[in-house]
Amino acid sequence: MNFIIDSHIHFDQYRREERIQLANDPSLLNAIAVSMNLASCKKTLKLSKEFPFIKPAFGFHPEQTLPKETELNDLMLWITKHHHNMIAIGEVGLPYYSRKKQPDIYRLDYYLELLEQFILLAKRLDKPIILHSIYEDARKTIHLLEKHSFNKAHFHWFKGDYKTLEIMKANNYFISFIPDLLYESKIQSIAEFFPLNQIMVETDGPWPFEGPFLHQLTTPSMIHQTIKKLAHIKKENISVIYEQLLRNTQNFYRL
């Protein structure tokens, strides 16, 4: 059997019967479960105790309004207290989509300050960081990572230009691909360009997909089709791809 690790999933957003379905996948070794806010962190931690294959990450998703100062302090203190239970800081980053719609509310400078706090926290706790940072926002995130000499960075579902990818490659950052690799030509081009030893796979579930996955519940089992497509793009034997992706994820997350 070819084993997989889902390197980015919102496990707390699934219904209970769906979580059980995911847990019954014999090919799924682990899933990195990211969090949205403090309530999500607490729920993810609780679920990780019920479902041992879940490896929790704690953070604050940037595509939402900033927390109040007291809320942020509570979150940071809670993460610090429970850092032995987490595998990474995440999901954190910059609000690309929300800022396009409401630039007055989602002011980038405030989110950059928050992201820097999370980078410093990840460095202090010696944990990887899972980043929501795409297109032109990625360069700003890279600047902060370089400023603090921290390179244990996973840019999930990355979309951006080749100059940025070159920097990410040189800095030994990781990116991950989702099931849209099967039908998005721009994502396929990124997969062709980026080195296999810096790639992981994910679902970002329960985020829904199109193409052959239209109207389906997003589950880690879709990763097998993603890997098949990646093997085709890389012109490599699929067993080699499975082994390398598994090794990449296990080494990056210390599994």
Protein backbone atom coordinates (compact mmCIF):
# COMPACT_ATOMS: atom_id res chain seq x y z
CA MET A 1 0.00 0.00 0.00
CA ASN A 2 1.14 3.54 -0.79
CA PHE A 3 0.90 5.70 2.32
CA ILE A 4 0.12 9.40 2.45
CA ILE A 5 0.21 12.35 4.84
CA ASP A 6 -2.21 15.23 4.39
CA SER A 7 0.02 18.20 5.17
CA HIS A 8 -2.83 20.71 5.59
CA ILE A 9 -6.43 20.04 6.58
CA HIS A 10 -9.08 21.82 8.67
CA PHE A 11 -10.14 18.69 10.53
CA ASP A 12 -12.26 20.60 13.04
CA GLN A 13 -14.55 21.79 10.23
CA TYR A 14 -15.73 18.29 9.32
CA ARG A 15 -18.83 16.69 10.79
CA ARG A 16 -18.29 13.77 13.15
CA GLU A 17 -19.35 11.09 10.66
CA GLU A 18 -16.98 12.62 8.12
CA ARG A 19 -14.09 12.57 10.58
CA ILE A 20 -14.71 8.87 11.18
CA GLN A 21 -14.70 8.32 7.41
CA LEU A 22 -11.34 10.04 7.13
CA ALA A 23 -9.95 8.06 10.06
CA ASN A 24 -10.88 4.79 8.33
CA ASP A 25 -8.62 5.47 5.34
CA PRO A 26 -5.90 2.78 5.70
CA SER A 27 -3.46 4.71 3.50
CA LEU A 28 -3.57 7.87 5.66
CA LEU A 29 -0.71 7.85 8.17
CA ASN A 30 -1.15 11.38 9.51
CA ALA A 31 -2.88 14.68 8.85
CA ILE A 32 -1.58 18.09 9.87
CA ALA A 33 -4.68 19.79 11.27
CA VAL A 34 -4.43 23.59 11.18
CA SER A 35 -6.47 25.99 13.30
CA MET A 36 -8.38 29.22 12.61
CA ASN A 37 -8.40 30.92 16.03
CA LEU A 38 -8.34 30.09 19.73
CA ALA A 39 -11.65 28.20 19.70
CA SER A 40 -10.44 26.22 16.68
CA CYS A 41 -7.10 25.50 18.42
CA LYS A 42 -8.90 24.07 21.43
CA LYS A 43 -11.16 21.93 19.27
CA THR A 44 -8.26 20.66 17.17
CA LEU A 45 -6.31 19.71 20.29
CA LYS A 46 -9.32 17.81 21.64
CA LEU A 47 -9.81 16.01 18.32
CA SER A 48 -6.15 15.02 18.18
CA LYS A 49 -6.63 13.09 21.41
CA GLU A 50 -9.62 11.26 19.94
CA PHE A 51 -8.00 10.66 16.55
CA PRO A 52 -4.29 9.88 17.03
CA PHE A 53 -3.46 10.28 13.33
CA ILE A 54 -4.21 14.00 13.69
CA LYS A 55 -1.21 16.22 14.38
CA PRO A 56 -2.44 19.67 15.50
CA ALA A 57 -1.12 23.07 14.48
CA PHE A 58 -2.19 26.21 16.34
CA GLY A 59 -2.56 29.69 14.87
CA PHE A 60 -4.84 32.40 13.51
CA HIS A 61 -6.05 32.29 9.91
CA PRO A 62 -5.43 35.68 8.27
CA GLU A 63 -8.54 35.80 6.09
CA GLN A 64 -10.58 37.16 9.01
CA THR A 65 -10.64 40.39 10.98
CA LEU A 66 -7.85 40.78 13.50
CA PRO A 67 -8.48 39.68 17.08
CA LYS A 68 -8.67 42.25 19.85
CA GLU A 69 -5.50 42.69 21.88
CA THR A 70 -6.86 40.68 24.79
CA GLU A 71 -7.94 37.89 22.42
CA LEU A 72 -4.53 37.81 20.79
CA ASN A 73 -2.80 37.69 24.17
CA ASP A 74 -5.05 34.80 25.21
CA LEU A 75 -4.22 32.96 21.98
CA MET A 76 -0.46 33.44 22.31
CA LEU A 77 -0.48 32.37 25.95
CA TRP A 78 -2.59 29.30 25.16
CA ILE A 79 -0.29 28.26 22.29
CA THR A 80 2.76 28.68 24.50
CA LYS A 81 1.15 26.62 27.24
CA HIS A 82 0.17 23.82 24.86
CA HIS A 83 3.12 23.91 22.47
CA HIS A 84 4.20 20.40 23.46
CA ASN A 85 0.93 19.15 21.96
CA MET A 86 1.35 20.88 18.60
CA ILE A 87 3.39 19.99 15.57
CA ALA A 88 3.54 23.52 14.10
CA ILE A 89 2.31 27.11 14.19
CA GLY A 90 -0.50 27.44 11.68
CA GLU A 91 -2.37 28.48 9.83
CA VAL A 92 -1.03 32.03 9.78
CA GLY A 93 -0.12 34.56 7.11
CA LEU A 94 -1.52 37.50 5.17
CA PRO A 95 -5.13 38.22 4.07
CA TYR A 96 -4.79 38.28 0.28
CA TYR A 97 -8.41 37.60 -0.70
CA SER A 98 -10.10 39.59 2.07
CA ARG A 99 -7.83 42.58 1.44
CA LYS A 100 -8.80 42.65 -2.22
CA LYS A 101 -12.44 42.99 -1.21
CA GLN A 102 -12.08 45.29 1.83
CA PRO A 103 -8.66 47.01 1.83
CA ASP A 104 -9.70 49.53 4.50
CA ILE A 105 -10.53 46.79 6.99
CA TYR A 106 -7.78 44.31 6.15
CA ARG A 107 -4.81 46.67 6.43
CA LEU A 108 -1.65 44.85 5.51
CA ASP A 109 0.62 46.58 8.03
CA TYR A 110 -1.40 45.23 10.96
CA TYR A 111 -1.34 41.70 9.59
CA LEU A 112 2.40 41.92 8.96
CA GLU A 113 2.89 42.80 12.62
CA LEU A 114 0.81 39.79 13.65
CA LEU A 115 2.63 37.48 11.24
CA GLU A 116 5.97 38.62 12.63
CA GLN A 117 4.79 37.72 16.12
CA PHE A 118 3.92 34.22 14.94
CA ILE A 119 7.30 33.82 13.21
CA LEU A 120 9.06 34.82 16.41
CA LEU A 121 6.87 32.43 18.40
CA ALA A 122 7.62 29.57 16.00
CA LYS A 123 11.33 30.27 16.25
CA ARG A 124 11.24 30.48 20.05
CA LEU A 125 9.27 27.24 20.34
CA ASP A 126 11.33 25.54 17.61
CA LYS A 127 8.28 24.63 15.54
CA PRO A 128 7.65 24.84 11.78
CA ILE A 129 5.27 27.52 10.51
CA ILE A 130 2.39 26.90 8.09
CA LEU A 131 1.76 29.91 5.88
CA HIS A 132 -1.20 31.29 3.98
CA SER A 133 0.78 33.70 1.80
CA ILE A 134 0.35 33.89 -1.98
CA TYR A 135 1.19 36.02 -5.02
CA GLU A 136 2.86 39.32 -4.07
CA ASP A 137 2.23 38.71 -0.35
CA ALA A 138 4.76 35.87 -0.38
CA ARG A 139 7.72 38.25 -0.85
CA LYS A 140 6.63 40.20 2.24
CA THR A 141 6.45 36.99 4.23
CA ILE A 142 9.85 35.89 2.95
CA HIS A 143 11.29 39.25 4.07
CA LEU A 144 10.09 38.55 7.62
CA LEU A 145 11.39 34.98 7.57
CA GLU A 146 14.80 36.18 6.38
CA LYS A 147 14.80 39.06 8.88
CA HIS A 148 14.57 36.54 11.70
CA SER A 149 16.75 33.84 10.06
CA PHE A 150 13.91 31.32 10.17
CA ASN A 151 13.47 28.91 7.30
CA LYS A 152 11.26 26.14 8.67
CA ALA A 153 8.42 27.42 6.48
CA HIS A 154 5.62 25.59 4.66
CA PHE A 155 3.76 27.74 2.11
CA HIS A 156 0.54 25.80 1.65
CA TRP A 157 -1.39 25.90 -1.67
CA PHE A 158 1.18 28.35 -3.03
CA LYS A 159 0.42 30.51 -6.04
CA GLY A 160 2.97 33.02 -7.33
CA ASP A 161 5.70 33.95 -9.79
CA TYR A 162 8.91 32.11 -10.63
CA LYS A 163 11.22 34.71 -9.07
CA THR A 164 9.50 34.13 -5.75
CA LEU A 165 9.75 30.38 -6.25
CA GLU A 166 13.48 30.73 -6.90
CA ILE A 167 13.91 32.48 -3.54
CA MET A 168 11.78 29.87 -1.81
CA LYS A 169 13.84 27.11 -3.40
CA ALA A 170 17.12 28.73 -2.32
CA ASN A 171 15.84 29.25 1.24
CA ASN A 172 14.74 25.62 1.48
CA TYR A 173 11.07 26.48 2.08
CA PHE A 174 8.42 23.89 1.28
CA ILE A 175 5.25 24.23 -0.76
CA SER A 176 2.31 21.85 -1.04
CA PHE A 177 -0.11 20.93 -3.78
CA ILE A 178 -3.83 20.29 -3.51
CA PRO A 179 -6.20 18.35 -5.79
CA ASP A 180 -6.52 21.32 -8.18
CA LEU A 181 -3.17 20.13 -9.58
CA LEU A 182 -5.27 17.89 -11.80
CA TYR A 183 -6.97 20.75 -13.64
CA GLU A 184 -5.12 24.04 -13.04
CA SER A 185 -2.40 24.63 -15.63
CA LYS A 186 -0.65 27.38 -13.61
CA ILE A 187 -0.37 25.07 -10.62
CA GLN A 188 0.97 22.33 -12.89
CA SER A 189 3.68 24.72 -14.10
CA ILE A 190 4.71 25.43 -10.51
CA ALA A 191 4.86 21.69 -9.81
CA GLU A 192 7.07 21.16 -12.85
CA PHE A 193 9.43 23.95 -11.76
CA PHE A 194 9.78 23.34 -8.02
CA PRO A 195 12.15 20.60 -6.73
CA LEU A 196 10.52 17.39 -5.60
CA ASN A 197 12.50 17.30 -2.34
CA GLN A 198 10.75 20.53 -1.22
CA ILE A 199 7.18 19.46 -2.02
CA MET A 200 4.34 18.10 0.11
CA VAL A 201 0.70 17.29 -0.68
CA GLU A 202 -2.48 18.40 1.07
CA THR A 203 -6.24 18.82 0.67
CA ASP A 204 -7.04 22.00 2.62
CA GLY A 205 -10.23 20.06 3.32
CA PRO A 206 -13.09 20.46 3.61
CA TRP A 207 -12.48 23.10 0.92
CA PRO A 208 -14.39 21.83 -2.18
CA PHE A 209 -12.76 21.24 -5.57
CA GLU A 210 -13.82 21.24 -9.19
CA GLY A 211 -12.84 19.05 -12.15
CA PRO A 212 -13.07 15.33 -11.30
CA PHE A 213 -13.81 16.22 -7.65
CA LEU A 214 -16.89 18.36 -8.29
CA HIS A 215 -19.63 17.90 -5.66
CA GLN A 216 -17.47 15.47 -3.66
CA LEU A 217 -16.55 15.70 0.00
CA THR A 218 -12.88 16.62 0.14
CA THR A 219 -10.95 13.78 1.78
CA PRO A 220 -7.26 12.85 1.97
CA SER A 221 -7.95 9.96 -0.42
CA MET A 222 -7.92 12.57 -3.21
CA ILE A 223 -4.19 12.93 -2.58
CA HIS A 224 -3.59 9.67 -4.45
CA GLN A 225 -4.84 11.30 -7.67
CA THR A 226 -2.75 14.39 -6.91
CA ILE A 227 0.35 12.20 -6.58
CA LYS A 228 -0.44 10.37 -9.80
CA LYS A 229 -0.64 13.74 -11.59
CA LEU A 230 2.59 14.91 -9.95
CA ALA A 231 4.37 11.76 -11.12
CA HIS A 232 3.19 12.50 -14.67
CA ILE A 233 4.40 16.12 -14.44
CA LYS A 234 7.77 15.11 -13.00
CA LYS A 235 8.11 12.20 -15.45
CA GLU A 236 9.01 9.95 -12.55
CA ASN A 237 7.90 6.55 -11.32
CA ILE A 238 4.92 6.98 -9.02
CA SER A 239 6.46 4.86 -6.27
CA VAL A 240 9.42 7.25 -6.18
CA ILE A 241 7.02 10.19 -5.80
CA TYR A 242 5.14 8.50 -2.95
CA GLU A 243 8.36 7.73 -1.10
CA GLN A 244 9.83 11.21 -1.55
CA LEU A 245 6.65 13.05 -0.48
CA LEU A 246 6.32 10.87 2.59
CA ARG A 247 9.97 11.43 3.50
CA ASN A 248 9.65 15.19 2.92
CA THR A 249 6.66 15.53 5.21
CA GLN A 250 7.96 13.25 7.94
CA ASN A 251 11.29 15.08 8.03
CA PHE A 252 9.79 18.56 7.91
CA TYR A 253 7.25 17.88 10.68
CA ARG A 254 9.49 15.49 12.64
CA LEU A 255 6.95 12.68 12.47
